[in-house]
């Protein structure tokens, strides 16, 4: 296995991680920002107020795109296992 192959595989893994985590992180960031603005406007300083909406958004995103996420991860893993004989020779 050459260093360029290793860099390519690691690069693909990082891109896959970003693709899988991106929608969840962006959605929770937006919900957290909206709730923070709401708390600033209403002067409510309850720390647990942000937890439930973020949890619901993450559950909704996983319900909508969970199948796609698992398919992408499975495809990448299958690709890695298929490359093992080529990498060892």
N, C-alpha and C. Protein backbone atom coordinates (compact mmCIF):
# COMPACT_ATOMS: atom_id res chain seq x y z
N UNK A 1 0.85 -1.17 0.00
CA UNK A 1 0.00 0.00 0.00
C UNK A 1 0.90 1.23 0.00
N UNK A 2 0.64 2.11 -0.92
CA UNK A 2 1.45 3.31 -1.04
C UNK A 2 0.84 4.45 -0.21
N UNK A 3 1.62 5.46 -0.03
CA UNK A 3 1.14 6.60 0.75
C UNK A 3 0.03 7.35 0.02
N UNK A 4 0.06 7.37 -1.30
CA UNK A 4 -1.01 8.05 -2.05
C UNK A 4 -2.33 7.32 -1.89
N UNK A 5 -2.28 5.99 -1.84
CA UNK A 5 -3.50 5.21 -1.61
C UNK A 5 -4.06 5.50 -0.22
N UNK A 6 -3.18 5.56 0.75
CA UNK A 6 -3.61 5.85 2.11
C UNK A 6 -4.24 7.24 2.21
N UNK A 7 -3.63 8.20 1.58
CA UNK A 7 -4.16 9.56 1.60
C UNK A 7 -5.51 9.61 0.90
N UNK A 8 -5.66 8.89 -0.18
CA UNK A 8 -6.94 8.85 -0.90
C UNK A 8 -8.03 8.23 -0.04
N UNK A 9 -7.72 7.12 0.61
CA UNK A 9 -8.72 6.46 1.46
C UNK A 9 -9.10 7.34 2.65
N UNK A 10 -8.13 7.98 3.26
CA UNK A 10 -8.43 8.86 4.38
C UNK A 10 -9.23 10.07 3.91
N UNK A 11 -8.90 10.60 2.75
CA UNK A 11 -9.67 11.72 2.19
C UNK A 11 -11.11 11.35 1.92
N UNK A 12 -11.32 10.15 1.36
CA UNK A 12 -12.69 9.69 1.12
C UNK A 12 -13.45 9.51 2.43
N UNK A 13 -12.77 9.01 3.45
CA UNK A 13 -13.41 8.82 4.74
C UNK A 13 -13.80 10.16 5.36
N UNK A 14 -12.95 11.15 5.26
CA UNK A 14 -13.25 12.47 5.82
C UNK A 14 -14.42 13.11 5.09
N UNK A 15 -14.46 12.97 3.76
CA UNK A 15 -15.57 13.52 2.99
C UNK A 15 -16.87 12.81 3.37
N UNK A 16 -16.82 11.50 3.53
CA UNK A 16 -18.01 10.75 3.92
C UNK A 16 -18.50 11.18 5.30
N UNK A 17 -17.58 11.36 6.23
CA UNK A 17 -17.97 11.82 7.57
C UNK A 17 -18.63 13.18 7.50
N UNK A 18 -18.08 14.08 6.70
CA UNK A 18 -18.67 15.41 6.56
C UNK A 18 -20.06 15.33 5.93
N UNK A 19 -20.22 14.46 4.94
CA UNK A 19 -21.53 14.31 4.30
C UNK A 19 -22.57 13.74 5.26
N UNK A 20 -22.15 12.82 6.11
CA UNK A 20 -23.10 12.18 7.02
C UNK A 20 -23.42 13.06 8.22
N UNK A 21 -22.45 13.78 8.74
CA UNK A 21 -22.67 14.61 9.92
C UNK A 21 -23.17 16.00 9.59
N UNK A 22 -22.92 16.45 8.38
CA UNK A 22 -23.27 17.81 8.00
C UNK A 22 -24.72 18.19 8.20
N UNK A 23 -25.67 17.42 7.68
CA UNK A 23 -27.07 17.81 7.85
C UNK A 23 -27.51 17.90 9.31
N UNK A 24 -27.04 16.98 10.12
CA UNK A 24 -27.42 16.99 11.54
C UNK A 24 -26.80 18.19 12.24
N UNK A 25 -25.52 18.45 11.99
CA UNK A 25 -24.85 19.56 12.65
C UNK A 25 -25.42 20.90 12.23
N UNK A 26 -25.71 21.06 10.95
CA UNK A 26 -26.26 22.33 10.46
C UNK A 26 -27.65 22.56 11.03
N UNK A 27 -28.47 21.52 11.06
CA UNK A 27 -29.83 21.67 11.59
C UNK A 27 -29.82 22.01 13.08
N UNK A 28 -28.98 21.34 13.85
CA UNK A 28 -28.93 21.65 15.28
C UNK A 28 -28.33 23.04 15.52
N UNK A 29 -27.42 23.46 14.67
CA UNK A 29 -26.87 24.82 14.77
C UNK A 29 -27.96 25.85 14.53
N UNK A 30 -28.77 25.64 13.51
CA UNK A 30 -29.84 26.59 13.19
C UNK A 30 -30.89 26.61 14.31
N UNK A 31 -31.28 25.45 14.79
CA UNK A 31 -32.28 25.39 15.88
C UNK A 31 -31.72 26.04 17.13
N UNK A 32 -30.47 25.77 17.45
CA UNK A 32 -29.86 26.39 18.63
C UNK A 32 -29.79 27.90 18.52
N UNK A 33 -29.48 28.39 17.31
CA UNK A 33 -29.43 29.83 17.10
C UNK A 33 -30.81 30.47 17.26
N UNK A 34 -31.81 29.83 16.69
CA UNK A 34 -33.18 30.37 16.80
C UNK A 34 -33.63 30.39 18.26
N UNK A 35 -33.36 29.32 18.99
CA UNK A 35 -33.76 29.26 20.39
C UNK A 35 -32.96 30.26 21.23
N UNK A 36 -31.70 30.45 20.90
CA UNK A 36 -30.89 31.44 21.62
C UNK A 36 -31.43 32.85 21.40
N UNK A 37 -31.82 33.13 20.17
CA UNK A 37 -32.43 34.44 19.90
C UNK A 37 -33.74 34.61 20.66
N UNK A 38 -34.54 33.53 20.70
CA UNK A 38 -35.79 33.57 21.45
C UNK A 38 -35.53 33.80 22.94
N UNK A 39 -34.51 33.14 23.48
CA UNK A 39 -34.17 33.32 24.89
C UNK A 39 -33.66 34.74 25.16
N UNK A 40 -32.92 35.29 24.23
CA UNK A 40 -32.41 36.65 24.42
C UNK A 40 -33.54 37.68 24.37
N UNK A 41 -34.50 37.45 23.49
CA UNK A 41 -35.61 38.40 23.35
C UNK A 41 -36.54 38.32 24.56
N UNK A 42 -36.81 37.11 25.04
CA UNK A 42 -37.76 36.94 26.14
C UNK A 42 -37.11 36.91 27.51
N UNK A 43 -35.79 36.97 27.57
CA UNK A 43 -35.03 36.94 28.83
C UNK A 43 -35.25 35.65 29.61
N UNK A 44 -35.56 34.57 28.92
CA UNK A 44 -35.67 33.27 29.56
C UNK A 44 -34.28 32.65 29.55
N UNK A 45 -33.76 32.32 30.71
CA UNK A 45 -32.42 31.77 30.81
C UNK A 45 -32.47 30.31 31.26
N UNK A 46 -33.26 29.52 30.62
CA UNK A 46 -33.38 28.10 30.94
C UNK A 46 -32.48 27.31 30.00
N UNK A 47 -31.53 26.57 30.56
CA UNK A 47 -30.58 25.84 29.74
C UNK A 47 -31.19 24.59 29.11
N UNK A 48 -32.20 24.04 29.73
CA UNK A 48 -32.81 22.82 29.19
C UNK A 48 -33.78 23.10 28.06
N UNK A 49 -34.07 24.35 27.79
CA UNK A 49 -35.02 24.71 26.74
C UNK A 49 -34.51 24.33 25.35
N UNK A 50 -33.22 24.32 25.15
CA UNK A 50 -32.67 24.00 23.83
C UNK A 50 -32.57 22.50 23.58
N UNK A 51 -32.61 21.71 24.63
CA UNK A 51 -32.36 20.27 24.46
C UNK A 51 -33.45 19.58 23.67
N UNK A 52 -34.70 19.75 24.03
CA UNK A 52 -35.80 19.02 23.38
C UNK A 52 -35.96 19.38 21.90
N UNK A 53 -35.96 20.65 21.52
CA UNK A 53 -36.06 20.94 20.07
C UNK A 53 -34.91 20.37 19.26
N UNK A 54 -33.69 20.44 19.80
CA UNK A 54 -32.55 19.86 19.09
C UNK A 54 -32.69 18.35 18.97
N UNK A 55 -33.15 17.72 20.02
CA UNK A 55 -33.37 16.27 19.99
C UNK A 55 -34.41 15.89 18.96
N UNK A 56 -35.49 16.65 18.88
CA UNK A 56 -36.54 16.38 17.90
C UNK A 56 -36.04 16.59 16.47
N UNK A 57 -35.23 17.62 16.26
CA UNK A 57 -34.69 17.89 14.92
C UNK A 57 -33.75 16.77 14.50
N UNK A 58 -32.89 16.32 15.41
CA UNK A 58 -31.97 15.23 15.09
C UNK A 58 -32.75 13.95 14.78
N UNK A 59 -33.78 13.66 15.56
CA UNK A 59 -34.60 12.48 15.31
C UNK A 59 -35.31 12.59 13.96
N UNK A 60 -35.80 13.77 13.62
CA UNK A 60 -36.47 13.96 12.33
C UNK A 60 -35.51 13.79 11.17
N UNK A 61 -34.32 14.34 11.29
CA UNK A 61 -33.33 14.21 10.21
C UNK A 61 -32.90 12.75 10.06
N UNK A 62 -32.70 12.06 11.18
CA UNK A 62 -32.33 10.65 11.09
C UNK A 62 -33.46 9.81 10.50
N UNK A 63 -34.70 10.17 10.81
CA UNK A 63 -35.83 9.43 10.24
C UNK A 63 -35.94 9.67 8.74
N UNK A 64 -35.65 10.89 8.32
CA UNK A 64 -35.77 11.22 6.89
C UNK A 64 -34.58 10.69 6.10
N UNK A 65 -33.36 10.92 6.59
CA UNK A 65 -32.19 10.59 5.80
C UNK A 65 -31.36 9.44 6.37
N UNK A 66 -31.87 8.74 7.33
CA UNK A 66 -31.13 7.64 7.93
C UNK A 66 -30.82 6.52 6.95
N UNK A 67 -31.77 6.21 6.10
CA UNK A 67 -31.55 5.15 5.11
C UNK A 67 -30.43 5.52 4.16
N UNK A 68 -30.41 6.76 3.72
CA UNK A 68 -29.35 7.23 2.84
C UNK A 68 -28.00 7.18 3.54
N UNK A 69 -27.96 7.59 4.81
CA UNK A 69 -26.72 7.58 5.56
C UNK A 69 -26.16 6.17 5.71
N UNK A 70 -27.02 5.24 6.05
CA UNK A 70 -26.57 3.86 6.21
C UNK A 70 -26.12 3.28 4.88
N UNK A 71 -26.83 3.61 3.81
CA UNK A 71 -26.44 3.13 2.49
C UNK A 71 -25.07 3.66 2.10
N UNK A 72 -24.81 4.94 2.33
CA UNK A 72 -23.51 5.52 2.01
C UNK A 72 -22.40 4.86 2.82
N UNK A 73 -22.64 4.67 4.10
CA UNK A 73 -21.63 4.05 4.96
C UNK A 73 -21.38 2.60 4.57
N UNK A 74 -22.42 1.88 4.22
CA UNK A 74 -22.28 0.50 3.79
C UNK A 74 -21.53 0.41 2.47
N UNK A 75 -21.84 1.30 1.54
CA UNK A 75 -21.13 1.31 0.26
C UNK A 75 -19.64 1.58 0.44
N UNK A 76 -19.31 2.52 1.31
CA UNK A 76 -17.90 2.83 1.56
C UNK A 76 -17.18 1.64 2.21
N UNK A 77 -17.85 1.01 3.17
CA UNK A 77 -17.25 -0.15 3.83
C UNK A 77 -17.07 -1.30 2.86
N UNK A 78 -18.04 -1.53 2.00
CA UNK A 78 -17.93 -2.59 0.99
C UNK A 78 -16.78 -2.29 0.03
N UNK A 79 -16.63 -1.03 -0.33
CA UNK A 79 -15.52 -0.63 -1.20
C UNK A 79 -14.17 -0.89 -0.51
N UNK A 80 -14.10 -0.59 0.78
CA UNK A 80 -12.84 -0.84 1.51
C UNK A 80 -12.52 -2.32 1.58
N UNK A 81 -13.51 -3.14 1.87
CA UNK A 81 -13.28 -4.58 1.94
C UNK A 81 -12.90 -5.15 0.57
N UNK A 82 -13.45 -4.59 -0.48
CA UNK A 82 -13.09 -5.05 -1.82
C UNK A 82 -11.66 -4.67 -2.18
N UNK A 83 -11.15 -3.60 -1.60
CA UNK A 83 -9.80 -3.15 -1.89
C UNK A 83 -8.72 -3.91 -1.10
N UNK A 84 -9.10 -4.64 -0.09
CA UNK A 84 -8.10 -5.31 0.76
C UNK A 84 -7.17 -6.22 -0.04
N UNK A 85 -7.66 -7.10 -0.92
CA UNK A 85 -6.73 -7.95 -1.66
C UNK A 85 -5.76 -7.14 -2.55
N UNK A 86 -6.25 -6.05 -3.12
CA UNK A 86 -5.39 -5.23 -3.98
C UNK A 86 -4.34 -4.49 -3.14
N UNK A 87 -4.72 -4.09 -1.95
CA UNK A 87 -3.80 -3.34 -1.10
C UNK A 87 -2.71 -4.23 -0.51
N UNK A 88 -3.02 -5.50 -0.29
CA UNK A 88 -2.04 -6.41 0.30
C UNK A 88 -1.03 -6.94 -0.71
N UNK A 89 -1.37 -6.88 -1.98
CA UNK A 89 -0.44 -7.42 -2.99
C UNK A 89 0.57 -6.40 -3.46
